[in-house]
Amino acid sequence: MAKNDFKPFATGESANVLSQADYEALDATANGFQTGIARSEQLNKVWRQASTIASVVASFMADKSGNDVLDDGDTAALQATLLKALLNNSTAQLDGRYLQTGKNLADVNNVAQARGNLGLGSLALKNGLSAADVGAFPVTGGEIKGEVWSNTVDNYRIIANNKGVFWRFDGENYYLMLTKDGDPRGGWNNLRPFTVNFASGDIRTDQNFSANGRIASAQDILSRNSVYSGNGASQLAPDGNIYGSVWGGWLSNWLRGTFIMDMRLGQVESVQAWNDGGYIDQSPYVITGVYNFNRDQYIDTIYRRPIQKNINGAWYNVGSA
């Protein structure tokens, strides 16, 4: 049996010690003994309290550790013995109530019931579980039979060739976003190929748009700039002008070079009718005035002007161009 040097003091029936009530009422309990005479029963009470608890702890240390608890001033040995006693006592008290990590669940009393309590059933007998075993979506892909919800603004990213694309909904617009080249898991670049406004439902693209099929619309089609067809060979300009090979370029130029844009009478000409030859019937002239200044029986002056047409900004006499 291990030895314990720490003994209780003044524990006999006739020990000269202060009663507990008197001790608790003693001023020295709070402030310690001051100057003057110390009464033996007061000191005995203090020593008994300190020595009794020390003896109880020392006995626990000796009993549970199996080591001698010696009053030799070796505090390191006392501390080691105390830790050993606590560990031995804990092991003895808890081994039958808790699972030990070193036994890897081999100390479970009823293995089948334990599996049932955990909801594992026969799955616990498998060395490896598949996604199907636990109702999970496999990392290699598969079918999801239901709607998938997410509170993440950026979602469903596809990565290929060191590039990434993903969808983004910021509460106002829904975007198809493209990452920077070489940063497939990073943020987005400056391109906006597809945007849907949540409030209006309008679809917008800030990039070029190509369609191999027909584009049909039940309402107006609006463009802020030119509209091209024929793989860019023909063009409808913002000012309404049309460019195409059938016109040899711009329609406005073809119209100006093909059709009469305006008509007018040209510079006035005159000739004396009395005692002169006058005018013969000659294109493109028209008689614009006949004048008898002295009001006799003879016409004095005849006036004429050529009929002119405007083609592509230039004026021509009718019949000459």
C-alpha atoms as a PDB file:
ATOM      1  CA  MET A   1       0.000   0.000   0.000  1.00  0.00           C
ATOM      2  CA  ALA A   2       1.320   3.408  -0.962  1.00  0.00           C
ATOM      3  CA  LYS A   3       2.531   5.698   1.814  1.00  0.00           C
ATOM      4  CA  ASN A   4       0.949   9.067   2.623  1.00  0.00           C
ATOM      5  CA  ASP A   5       3.022  11.509   4.721  1.00  0.00           C
ATOM      6  CA  PHE A   6       0.348  14.196   4.855  1.00  0.00           C
ATOM      7  CA  LYS A   7      -1.656  13.682   8.074  1.00  0.00           C
ATOM      8  CA  PRO A   8      -4.622  15.607   9.412  1.00  0.00           C
ATOM      9  CA  PHE A   9      -3.893  17.840  12.459  1.00  0.00           C
ATOM     10  CA  ALA A  10      -6.045  18.156  15.625  1.00  0.00           C
ATOM     11  CA  THR A  11      -8.783  15.748  14.561  1.00  0.00           C
ATOM     12  CA  GLY A  12      -9.153  13.964  17.914  1.00  0.00           C
ATOM     13  CA  GLU A  13     -12.317  14.134  19.998  1.00  0.00           C
ATOM     14  CA  SER A  14     -10.705  16.324  22.647  1.00  0.00           C
ATOM     15  CA  ALA A  15      -8.789  18.521  20.201  1.00  0.00           C
ATOM     16  CA  ASN A  16      -8.448  22.123  21.320  1.00  0.00           C
ATOM     17  CA  VAL A  17     -10.008  23.812  18.288  1.00  0.00           C
ATOM     18  CA  LEU A  18     -12.434  26.674  17.822  1.00  0.00           C
ATOM     19  CA  SER A  19     -15.999  25.739  16.890  1.00  0.00           C
ATOM     20  CA  GLN A  20     -17.026  26.264  13.273  1.00  0.00           C
ATOM     21  CA  ALA A  21     -19.478  29.006  14.208  1.00  0.00           C
ATOM     22  CA  ASP A  22     -16.884  30.880  16.258  1.00  0.00           C
ATOM     23  CA  TYR A  23     -14.325  30.415  13.487  1.00  0.00           C
ATOM     24  CA  GLU A  24     -16.620  31.887  10.854  1.00  0.00           C
ATOM     25  CA  ALA A  25     -17.305  34.855  13.149  1.00  0.00           C
ATOM     26  CA  LEU A  26     -13.613  35.443  13.807  1.00  0.00           C
ATOM     27  CA  ASP A  27     -12.181  38.664  12.303  1.00  0.00           C
ATOM     28  CA  ALA A  28      -8.973  36.823  11.466  1.00  0.00           C
ATOM     29  CA  THR A  29     -10.878  34.624   9.016  1.00  0.00           C
ATOM     30  CA  ALA A  30     -10.952  37.531   6.589  1.00  0.00           C
ATOM     31  CA  ASN A  31      -7.880  39.536   7.602  1.00  0.00           C
ATOM     32  CA  GLY A  32      -5.535  36.985   9.183  1.00  0.00           C
ATOM     33  CA  PHE A  33      -3.974  37.222  12.612  1.00  0.00           C
ATOM     34  CA  GLN A  34      -2.692  40.684  13.480  1.00  0.00           C
ATOM     35  CA  THR A  35      -0.400  41.832  16.312  1.00  0.00           C
ATOM     36  CA  GLY A  36      -1.144  40.484  19.767  1.00  0.00           C
ATOM     37  CA  ILE A  37      -1.602  37.077  21.325  1.00  0.00           C
ATOM     38  CA  ALA A  38      -2.755  34.197  19.113  1.00  0.00           C
ATOM     39  CA  ARG A  39      -4.978  31.759  20.987  1.00  0.00           C
ATOM     40  CA  SER A  40      -4.172  28.076  20.510  1.00  0.00           C
ATOM     41  CA  GLU A  41      -7.740  27.019  19.668  1.00  0.00           C
ATOM     42  CA  GLN A  42      -7.819  29.575  16.847  1.00  0.00           C
ATOM     43  CA  LEU A  43      -4.508  28.423  15.374  1.00  0.00           C
ATOM     44  CA  ASN A  44      -5.471  24.760  15.781  1.00  0.00           C
ATOM     45  CA  LYS A  45      -8.653  25.418  13.793  1.00  0.00           C
ATOM     46  CA  VAL A  46      -6.684  26.946  10.906  1.00  0.00           C
ATOM     47  CA  TRP A  47      -4.109  24.129  10.894  1.00  0.00           C
ATOM     48  CA  ARG A  48      -6.781  21.438  11.058  1.00  0.00           C
ATOM     49  CA  GLN A  49      -8.675  22.849   8.080  1.00  0.00           C
ATOM     50  CA  ALA A  50      -5.559  23.076   5.938  1.00  0.00           C
ATOM     51  CA  SER A  51      -4.089  19.724   7.000  1.00  0.00           C
ATOM     52  CA  THR A  52      -7.359  17.811   6.696  1.00  0.00           C
ATOM     53  CA  ILE A  53      -8.010  18.708   3.073  1.00  0.00           C
ATOM     54  CA  ALA A  54      -4.334  18.163   2.238  1.00  0.00           C
ATOM     55  CA  SER A  55      -4.496  14.717   3.823  1.00  0.00           C
ATOM     56  CA  VAL A  56      -7.671  13.788   1.906  1.00  0.00           C
ATOM     57  CA  VAL A  57      -6.123  14.843  -1.417  1.00  0.00           C
ATOM     58  CA  ALA A  58      -2.873  13.071  -0.611  1.00  0.00           C
ATOM     59  CA  SER A  59      -4.769   9.875   0.284  1.00  0.00           C
ATOM     60  CA  PHE A  60      -6.613  10.052  -3.040  1.00  0.00           C
ATOM     61  CA  MET A  61      -3.312  10.479  -4.846  1.00  0.00           C
ATOM     62  CA  ALA A  62      -1.707   7.514  -3.078  1.00  0.00           C
ATOM     63  CA  ASP A  63      -4.731   5.203  -3.475  1.00  0.00           C
ATOM     64  CA  LYS A  64      -5.387   5.956  -7.160  1.00  0.00           C
ATOM     65  CA  SER A  65      -1.785   6.252  -8.358  1.00  0.00           C
ATOM     66  CA  GLY A  66      -0.129   3.574  -6.233  1.00  0.00           C
ATOM     67  CA  ASN A  67       2.742   5.987  -5.580  1.00  0.00           C
ATOM     68  CA  ASP A  68       4.010   7.170  -2.206  1.00  0.00           C
ATOM     69  CA  VAL A  69       2.999  10.740  -1.368  1.00  0.00           C
ATOM     70  CA  LEU A  70       5.976  12.046   0.569  1.00  0.00           C
ATOM     71  CA  ASP A  71       6.508  15.280   2.469  1.00  0.00           C
ATOM     72  CA  ASP A  72       9.968  15.837   1.059  1.00  0.00           C
ATOM     73  CA  GLY A  73       9.425  19.136  -0.810  1.00  0.00           C
ATOM     74  CA  ASP A  74       9.459  17.489  -4.265  1.00  0.00           C
ATOM     75  CA  THR A  75       6.578  19.406  -5.842  1.00  0.00           C
ATOM     76  CA  ALA A  76       7.224  17.946  -9.306  1.00  0.00           C
ATOM     77  CA  ALA A  77       6.739  14.416  -7.980  1.00  0.00           C
ATOM     78  CA  LEU A  78       3.539  15.451  -6.193  1.00  0.00           C
ATOM     79  CA  GLN A  79       2.153  16.990  -9.389  1.00  0.00           C
ATOM     80  CA  ALA A  80       2.980  13.886 -11.431  1.00  0.00           C
ATOM     81  CA  THR A  81       1.329  11.664  -8.834  1.00  0.00           C
ATOM     82  CA  LEU A  82      -1.796  13.838  -8.819  1.00  0.00           C
ATOM     83  CA  LEU A  83      -2.119  13.661 -12.615  1.00  0.00           C
ATOM     84  CA  LYS A  84      -1.631   9.889 -12.550  1.00  0.00           C
ATOM     85  CA  ALA A  85      -4.290   9.510  -9.874  1.00  0.00           C
ATOM     86  CA  LEU A  86      -6.786  11.641 -11.832  1.00  0.00           C
ATOM     87  CA  LEU A  87      -6.153   9.705 -15.055  1.00  0.00           C
ATOM     88  CA  ASN A  88      -6.468   6.293 -13.344  1.00  0.00           C
ATOM     89  CA  ASN A  89      -9.660   7.352 -11.603  1.00  0.00           C
ATOM     90  CA  SER A  90     -11.173   8.731 -14.825  1.00  0.00           C
ATOM     91  CA  THR A  91     -10.320   5.560 -16.717  1.00  0.00           C
ATOM     92  CA  ALA A  92     -11.862   3.376 -14.065  1.00  0.00           C
ATOM     93  CA  GLN A  93     -14.993   5.525 -13.869  1.00  0.00           C
ATOM     94  CA  LEU A  94     -15.555   6.090 -17.614  1.00  0.00           C
ATOM     95  CA  ASP A  95     -14.338   2.971 -19.404  1.00  0.00           C
ATOM     96  CA  GLY A  96     -17.658   1.232 -18.933  1.00  0.00           C
ATOM     97  CA  ARG A  97     -19.727   4.277 -19.924  1.00  0.00           C
ATOM     98  CA  TYR A  98     -17.935   5.736 -22.948  1.00  0.00           C
ATOM     99  CA  LEU A  99     -16.399   4.383 -26.171  1.00  0.00           C
ATOM    100  CA  GLN A 100     -12.643   4.321 -26.321  1.00  0.00           C
ATOM    101  CA  THR A 101     -10.932   5.721 -29.388  1.00  0.00           C
ATOM    102  CA  GLY A 102      -8.272   3.035 -29.292  1.00  0.00           C
ATOM    103  CA  LYS A 103     -10.894   0.283 -29.742  1.00  0.00           C
ATOM    104  CA  ASN A 104     -12.424   1.776 -32.939  1.00  0.00           C
ATOM    105  CA  LEU A 105     -16.048   1.036 -31.906  1.00  0.00           C
ATOM    106  CA  ALA A 106     -15.199  -2.565 -31.007  1.00  0.00           C
ATOM    107  CA  ASP A 107     -16.479  -1.829 -27.488  1.00  0.00           C
ATOM    108  CA  VAL A 108     -20.076  -1.186 -28.685  1.00  0.00           C
ATOM    109  CA  ASN A 109     -22.297  -3.646 -26.816  1.00  0.00           C
ATOM    110  CA  ASN A 110     -24.986  -4.093 -29.511  1.00  0.00           C
ATOM    111  CA  VAL A 111     -23.607  -3.325 -32.971  1.00  0.00           C
ATOM    112  CA  ALA A 112     -26.861  -3.975 -34.862  1.00  0.00           C
ATOM    113  CA  GLN A 113     -28.859  -1.714 -32.574  1.00  0.00           C
ATOM    114  CA  ALA A 114     -26.197   0.983 -32.844  1.00  0.00           C
ATOM    115  CA  ARG A 115     -26.464   0.905 -36.657  1.00  0.00           C
ATOM    116  CA  GLY A 116     -30.213   1.206 -36.406  1.00  0.00           C
ATOM    117  CA  ASN A 117     -29.999   4.115 -33.981  1.00  0.00           C
ATOM    118  CA  LEU A 118     -27.707   5.940 -36.422  1.00  0.00           C
ATOM    119  CA  GLY A 119     -30.018   5.226 -39.356  1.00  0.00           C
ATOM    120  CA  LEU A 120     -27.268   3.424 -41.269  1.00  0.00           C
ATOM    121  CA  GLY A 121     -28.753  -0.047 -41.514  1.00  0.00           C
ATOM    122  CA  SER A 122     -26.801  -2.293 -43.847  1.00  0.00           C
ATOM    123  CA  LEU A 123     -24.864   0.693 -45.248  1.00  0.00           C
ATOM    124  CA  ALA A 124     -22.564   0.497 -42.246  1.00  0.00           C
ATOM    125  CA  LEU A 125     -21.370  -2.926 -43.442  1.00  0.00           C
ATOM    126  CA  LYS A 126     -20.016  -1.484 -46.720  1.00  0.00           C
ATOM    127  CA  ASN A 127     -16.399  -0.483 -47.068  1.00  0.00           C
ATOM    128  CA  GLY A 128     -17.328   2.340 -49.436  1.00  0.00           C
ATOM    129  CA  LEU A 129     -20.605   4.153 -50.091  1.00  0.00           C
ATOM    130  CA  SER A 130     -21.785   5.313 -53.488  1.00  0.00           C
ATOM    131  CA  ALA A 131     -23.847   8.423 -54.210  1.00  0.00           C
ATOM    132  CA  ALA A 132     -26.837   6.178 -54.884  1.00  0.00           C
ATOM    133  CA  ASP A 133     -26.488   4.564 -51.450  1.00  0.00           C
ATOM    134  CA  VAL A 134     -27.076   7.875 -49.694  1.00  0.00           C
ATOM    135  CA  GLY A 135     -29.280   9.584 -52.299  1.00  0.00           C
ATOM    136  CA  ALA A 136     -26.580  12.072 -53.352  1.00  0.00           C
ATOM    137  CA  PHE A 137     -25.770  13.504 -56.782  1.00  0.00           C
ATOM    138  CA  PRO A 138     -22.637  11.755 -58.098  1.00  0.00           C
ATOM    139  CA  VAL A 139     -19.609  13.886 -58.948  1.00  0.00           C
ATOM    140  CA  THR A 140     -19.430  12.099 -62.314  1.00  0.00           C
ATOM    141  CA  GLY A 141     -22.894  13.460 -63.259  1.00  0.00           C
ATOM    142  CA  GLY A 142     -26.384  12.112 -63.344  1.00  0.00           C
ATOM    143  CA  GLU A 143     -30.077  12.991 -63.423  1.00  0.00           C
ATOM    144  CA  ILE A 144     -31.770  15.363 -60.986  1.00  0.00           C
ATOM    145  CA  LYS A 145     -35.474  14.603 -60.763  1.00  0.00           C
ATOM    146  CA  GLY A 146     -36.685  17.902 -59.414  1.00  0.00           C
ATOM    147  CA  GLU A 147     -36.086  21.614 -59.285  1.00  0.00           C
ATOM    148  CA  VAL A 148     -32.712  22.867 -58.050  1.00  0.00           C
ATOM    149  CA  TRP A 149     -32.677  26.004 -55.883  1.00  0.00           C
ATOM    150  CA  SER A 150     -29.769  28.305 -55.159  1.00  0.00           C
ATOM    151  CA  ASN A 151     -29.402  31.605 -53.273  1.00  0.00           C
ATOM    152  CA  THR A 152     -26.006  32.273 -54.855  1.00  0.00           C
ATOM    153  CA  VAL A 153     -25.922  35.221 -57.282  1.00  0.00           C
ATOM    154  CA  ASP A 154     -23.382  33.510 -59.561  1.00  0.00           C
ATOM    155  CA  ASN A 155     -24.311  29.962 -60.476  1.00  0.00           C
ATOM    156  CA  TYR A 156     -23.803  26.943 -62.729  1.00  0.00           C
ATOM    157  CA  ARG A 157     -20.281  27.456 -64.064  1.00  0.00           C
ATOM    158  CA  ILE A 158     -18.869  25.495 -66.997  1.00  0.00           C
ATOM    159  CA  ILE A 159     -15.086  25.275 -67.370  1.00  0.00           C
ATOM    160  CA  ALA A 160     -13.247  24.177 -70.497  1.00  0.00           C
ATOM    161  CA  ASN A 161      -9.897  24.978 -72.122  1.00  0.00           C
ATOM    162  CA  ASN A 162      -8.888  27.167 -69.160  1.00  0.00           C
ATOM    163  CA  LYS A 163     -11.944  29.398 -69.677  1.00  0.00           C
ATOM    164  CA  GLY A 164     -15.224  29.665 -67.764  1.00  0.00           C
ATOM    165  CA  VAL A 165     -18.832  30.708 -68.389  1.00  0.00           C
ATOM    166  CA  PHE A 166     -21.581  31.022 -65.789  1.00  0.00           C
ATOM    167  CA  TRP A 167     -25.018  32.516 -65.161  1.00  0.00           C
ATOM    168  CA  ARG A 168     -25.560  35.522 -62.881  1.00  0.00           C
ATOM    169  CA  PHE A 169     -28.783  37.065 -61.505  1.00  0.00           C
ATOM    170  CA  ASP A 170     -28.316  40.237 -59.449  1.00  0.00           C
ATOM    171  CA  GLY A 171     -32.032  40.750 -58.727  1.00  0.00           C
ATOM    172  CA  GLU A 172     -32.514  43.079 -61.716  1.00  0.00           C
ATOM    173  CA  ASN A 173     -30.843  41.419 -64.705  1.00  0.00           C
ATOM    174  CA  TYR A 174     -29.987  37.865 -65.718  1.00  0.00           C
ATOM    175  CA  TYR A 175     -26.605  37.551 -67.452  1.00  0.00           C
ATOM    176  CA  LEU A 176     -24.531  35.029 -69.301  1.00  0.00           C
ATOM    177  CA  MET A 177     -21.049  35.886 -68.000  1.00  0.00           C
ATOM    178  CA  LEU A 178     -17.644  35.010 -69.449  1.00  0.00           C
ATOM    179  CA  THR A 179     -14.455  34.841 -67.375  1.00  0.00           C
ATOM    180  CA  LYS A 180     -11.085  36.172 -68.380  1.00  0.00           C
ATOM    181  CA  ASP A 181      -9.042  33.786 -70.472  1.00  0.00           C
ATOM    182  CA  GLY A 182      -6.833  31.737 -68.151  1.00  0.00           C
ATOM    183  CA  ASP A 183      -8.990  32.472 -65.088  1.00  0.00           C
ATOM    184  CA  PRO A 184     -11.887  29.984 -65.370  1.00  0.00           C
ATOM    185  CA  ARG A 185     -12.831  30.193 -61.681  1.00  0.00           C
ATOM    186  CA  GLY A 186     -12.507  33.962 -61.422  1.00  0.00           C
ATOM    187  CA  GLY A 187     -14.838  36.882 -62.064  1.00  0.00           C
ATOM    188  CA  TRP A 188     -16.269  38.115 -65.358  1.00  0.00           C
ATOM    189  CA  ASN A 189     -14.743  40.044 -68.237  1.00  0.00           C
ATOM    190  CA  ASN A 190     -16.237  43.042 -70.086  1.00  0.00           C
ATOM    191  CA  LEU A 191     -18.285  41.083 -72.637  1.00  0.00           C
ATOM    192  CA  ARG A 192     -22.102  40.923 -72.253  1.00  0.00           C
ATOM    193  CA  PRO A 193     -23.394  38.497 -74.896  1.00  0.00           C
ATOM    194  CA  PHE A 194     -26.803  37.896 -73.274  1.00  0.00           C
ATOM    195  CA  THR A 195     -28.855  39.893 -70.752  1.00  0.00           C
ATOM    196  CA  VAL A 196     -32.504  39.620 -69.682  1.00  0.00           C
ATOM    197  CA  ASN A 197     -34.110  42.459 -67.721  1.00  0.00           C
ATOM    198  CA  PHE A 198     -36.306  41.009 -64.964  1.00  0.00           C
ATOM    199  CA  ALA A 199     -38.823  43.905 -64.896  1.00  0.00           C
ATOM    200  CA  SER A 200     -39.482  44.132 -68.653  1.00  0.00           C
ATOM    201  CA  GLY A 201     -38.329  40.756 -69.928  1.00  0.00           C
ATOM    202  CA  ASP A 202     -36.305  42.536 -72.627  1.00  0.00           C
ATOM    203  CA  ILE A 203     -33.355  40.637 -74.075  1.00  0.00           C
ATOM    204  CA  ARG A 204     -30.171  42.513 -74.942  1.00  0.00           C
ATOM    205  CA  THR A 205     -26.810  41.612 -76.401  1.00  0.00           C
ATOM    206  CA  ASP A 206     -23.856  43.985 -76.537  1.00  0.00           C
ATOM    207  CA  GLN A 207     -21.979  41.758 -78.981  1.00  0.00           C
ATOM    208  CA  ASN A 208     -22.478  40.744 -82.624  1.00  0.00           C
ATOM    209  CA  PHE A 209     -25.427  38.426 -83.247  1.00  0.00           C
ATOM    210  CA  SER A 210     -25.578  35.811 -86.009  1.00  0.00           C
ATOM    211  CA  ALA A 211     -28.506  33.592 -87.017  1.00  0.00           C
ATOM    212  CA  ASN A 212     -28.493  30.830 -89.634  1.00  0.00           C
ATOM    213  CA  GLY A 213     -32.274  30.587 -89.492  1.00  0.00           C
ATOM    214  CA  ARG A 214     -35.066  33.094 -89.999  1.00  0.00           C
ATOM    215  CA  ILE A 215     -35.704  35.820 -87.436  1.00  0.00           C
ATOM    216  CA  ALA A 216     -39.427  36.512 -87.134  1.00  0.00           C
ATOM    217  CA  SER A 217     -41.111  39.295 -85.181  1.00  0.00           C
ATOM    218  CA  ALA A 218     -44.758  40.146 -84.550  1.00  0.00           C
ATOM    219  CA  GLN A 219     -43.770  43.733 -83.787  1.00  0.00           C
ATOM    220  CA  ASP A 220     -41.233  46.329 -84.880  1.00  0.00           C
ATOM    221  CA  ILE A 221     -37.553  45.506 -85.115  1.00  0.00           C
ATOM    222  CA  LEU A 222     -35.457  48.443 -83.901  1.00  0.00           C
ATOM    223  CA  SER A 223     -31.797  49.113 -84.575  1.00  0.00           C
ATOM    224  CA  ARG A 224     -29.622  51.959 -83.336  1.00  0.00           C
ATOM    225  CA  ASN A 225     -27.388  51.629 -86.392  1.00  0.00           C
ATOM    226  CA  SER A 226     -27.395  50.063 -89.849  1.00  0.00           C
ATOM    227  CA  VAL A 227     -29.080  46.752 -90.663  1.00  0.00           C
ATOM    228  CA  TYR A 228     -27.100  44.468 -92.985  1.00  0.00           C
ATOM    229  CA  SER A 229     -28.091  41.548 -95.214  1.00  0.00           C
ATOM    230  CA  GLY A 230     -26.418  39.399 -97.817  1.00  0.00           C
ATOM    231  CA  ASN A 231     -23.522  38.749 -95.430  1.00  0.00           C
ATOM    232  CA  GLY A 232     -22.902  42.492 -95.250  1.00  0.00           C
ATOM    233  CA  ALA A 233     -23.269  43.195 -98.991  1.00  0.00           C
ATOM    234  CA  SER A 234     -26.495  45.182 -98.509  1.00  0.00           C
ATOM    235  CA  GLN A 235     -27.224  47.811 -95.891  1.00  0.00           C
ATOM    236  CA  LEU A 236     -30.154  49.783 -94.524  1.00  0.00           C
ATOM    237  CA  ALA A 237     -28.642  52.957 -93.080  1.00  0.00           C
ATOM    238  CA  PRO A 238     -30.006  54.861 -90.038  1.00  0.00           C
ATOM    239  CA  ASP A 239     -31.083  57.744 -92.325  1.00  0.00           C
ATOM    240  CA  GLY A 240     -33.205  55.356 -94.450  1.00  0.00           C
ATOM    241  CA  ASN A 241     -30.762  55.091 -97.346  1.00  0.00           C
ATOM    242  CA  ILE A 242     -30.233  51.649 -98.879  1.00  0.00           C
ATOM    243  CA  TYR A 243     -26.968  50.256-100.181  1.00  0.00           C
ATOM    244  CA  GLY A 244     -26.813  47.298-102.554  1.00  0.00           C
ATOM    245  CA  SER A 245     -25.327  45.966-105.757  1.00  0.00           C
ATOM    246  CA  VAL A 246     -28.655  46.301-107.618  1.00  0.00           C
ATOM    247  CA  TRP A 247     -28.369  50.081-107.227  1.00  0.00           C
ATOM    248  CA  GLY A 248     -24.668  50.123-107.966  1.00  0.00           C
ATOM    249  CA  GLY A 249     -24.099  51.532-104.477  1.00  0.00           C
ATOM    250  CA  TRP A 250     -26.437  53.807-102.530  1.00  0.00           C
ATOM    251  CA  LEU A 251     -30.067  54.022-103.640  1.00  0.00           C
ATOM    252  CA  SER A 252     -30.096  57.788-103.162  1.00  0.00           C
ATOM    253  CA  ASN A 253     -27.288  58.149-105.715  1.00  0.00           C
ATOM    254  CA  TRP A 254     -29.068  55.864-108.163  1.00  0.00           C
ATOM    255  CA  LEU A 255     -32.300  57.809-107.843  1.00  0.00           C
ATOM    256  CA  ARG A 256     -30.553  61.128-108.342  1.00  0.00           C
ATOM    257  CA  GLY A 257     -28.747  59.792-111.408  1.00  0.00           C
ATOM    258  CA  THR A 258     -31.805  58.079-112.892  1.00  0.00           C
ATOM    259  CA  PHE A 259     -34.866  60.205-112.209  1.00  0.00           C
ATOM    260  CA  ILE A 260     -35.702  63.899-112.669  1.00  0.00           C
ATOM    261  CA  MET A 261     -35.360  65.571-109.340  1.00  0.00           C
ATOM    262  CA  ASP A 262     -36.811  68.968-110.323  1.00  0.00           C
ATOM    263  CA  MET A 263     -38.057  71.089-113.283  1.00  0.00           C
ATOM    264  CA  ARG A 264     -37.658  74.770-114.120  1.00  0.00           C
ATOM    265  CA  LEU A 265     -37.653  77.365-116.880  1.00  0.00           C
ATOM    266  CA  GLY A 266     -34.183  78.415-117.920  1.00  0.00           C
ATOM    267  CA  GLN A 267     -32.711  81.782-118.869  1.00  0.00           C
ATOM    268  CA  VAL A 268     -35.115  84.079-120.771  1.00  0.00           C
ATOM    269  CA  GLU A 269     -34.434  84.873-124.441  1.00  0.00           C
ATOM    270  CA  SER A 270     -36.179  87.491-126.631  1.00  0.00           C
ATOM    271  CA  VAL A 271     -36.426  88.574-130.285  1.00  0.00           C
ATOM    272  CA  GLN A 272     -38.110  91.474-132.145  1.00  0.00           C
ATOM    273  CA  ALA A 273     -41.160  90.179-133.976  1.00  0.00           C
ATOM    274  CA  TRP A 274     -41.781  93.299-136.158  1.00  0.00           C
ATOM    275  CA  ASN A 275     -39.448  93.459-139.065  1.00  0.00           C
ATOM    276  CA  ASP A 276     -37.560  90.289-137.858  1.00  0.00           C
ATOM    277  CA  GLY A 277     -37.798  86.537-138.274  1.00  0.00           C
ATOM    278  CA  GLY A 278     -39.095  85.620-134.733  1.00  0.00           C
ATOM    279  CA  TYR A 279     -38.734  82.073-133.378  1.00  0.00           C
ATOM    280  CA  ILE A 280     -39.321  78.722-135.016  1.00  0.00           C
ATOM    281  CA  ASP A 281     -40.706  75.634-133.231  1.00  0.00           C
ATOM    282  CA  GLN A 282     -37.635  74.414-131.363  1.00  0.00           C
ATOM    283  CA  SER A 283     -37.204  72.046-128.381  1.00  0.00           C
ATOM    284  CA  PRO A 284     -36.991  72.633-125.423  1.00  0.00           C
ATOM    285  CA  TYR A 285     -38.290  76.203-125.619  1.00  0.00           C
ATOM    286  CA  VAL A 286     -41.697  77.487-124.744  1.00  0.00           C
ATOM    287  CA  ILE A 287     -43.041  80.975-125.463  1.00  0.00           C
ATOM    288  CA  THR A 288     -43.291  82.794-122.171  1.00  0.00           C
ATOM    289  CA  GLY A 289     -44.222  86.287-123.348  1.00  0.00           C
ATOM    290  CA  VAL A 290     -45.497  88.333-126.333  1.00  0.00           C
ATOM    291  CA  TYR A 291     -45.301  92.113-125.937  1.00  0.00           C
ATOM    292  CA  ASN A 292     -46.676  95.092-127.917  1.00  0.00           C
ATOM    293  CA  PHE A 293     -45.257  98.060-126.129  1.00  0.00           C
ATOM    294  CA  ASN A 294     -46.910 100.782-128.298  1.00  0.00           C
ATOM    295  CA  ARG A 295     -50.230  98.954-128.536  1.00  0.00           C
ATOM    296  CA  ASP A 296     -50.504  99.110-132.343  1.00  0.00           C
ATOM    297  CA  GLN A 297     -51.435  96.315-134.720  1.00  0.00           C
ATOM    298  CA  TYR A 298     -47.922  94.773-134.690  1.00  0.00           C
ATOM    299  CA  ILE A 299     -46.258  92.561-132.043  1.00  0.00           C
ATOM    300  CA  ASP A 300     -42.964  94.064-130.957  1.00  0.00           C
ATOM    301  CA  THR A 301     -41.112  91.409-128.828  1.00  0.00           C
ATOM    302  CA  ILE A 302     -41.427  87.648-128.270  1.00  0.00           C
ATOM    303  CA  TYR A 303     -39.947  85.988-125.128  1.00  0.00           C
ATOM    304  CA  ARG A 304     -39.051  82.332-124.639  1.00  0.00           C
ATOM    305  CA  ARG A 305     -37.355  80.090-122.007  1.00  0.00           C
ATOM    306  CA  PRO A 306     -35.966  76.544-122.223  1.00  0.00           C
ATOM    307  CA  ILE A 307     -37.616  73.819-120.120  1.00  0.00           C
ATOM    308  CA  GLN A 308     -34.896  72.356-117.842  1.00  0.00           C
ATOM    309  CA  LYS A 309     -34.675  69.199-115.667  1.00  0.00           C
ATOM    310  CA  ASN A 310     -32.458  68.420-112.647  1.00  0.00           C
ATOM    311  CA  ILE A 311     -30.666  65.070-112.673  1.00  0.00           C
ATOM    312  CA  ASN A 312     -28.227  64.250-109.825  1.00  0.00           C
ATOM    313  CA  GLY A 313     -27.838  67.942-108.985  1.00  0.00           C
ATOM    314  CA  ALA A 314     -27.135  69.149-112.531  1.00  0.00           C
ATOM    315  CA  TRP A 315     -29.565  71.114-114.754  1.00  0.00           C
ATOM    316  CA  TYR A 316     -30.135  69.968-118.334  1.00  0.00           C
ATOM    317  CA  ASN A 317     -32.390  71.264-121.110  1.00  0.00           C
ATOM    318  CA  VAL A 318     -35.188  68.792-121.821  1.00  0.00           C
ATOM    319  CA  GLY A 319     -34.229  66.578-124.733  1.00  0.00           C
ATOM    320  CA  SER A 320     -30.503  67.044-124.245  1.00  0.00           C
ATOM    321  CA  ALA A 321     -29.888  64.478-121.494  1.00  0.00           C
END
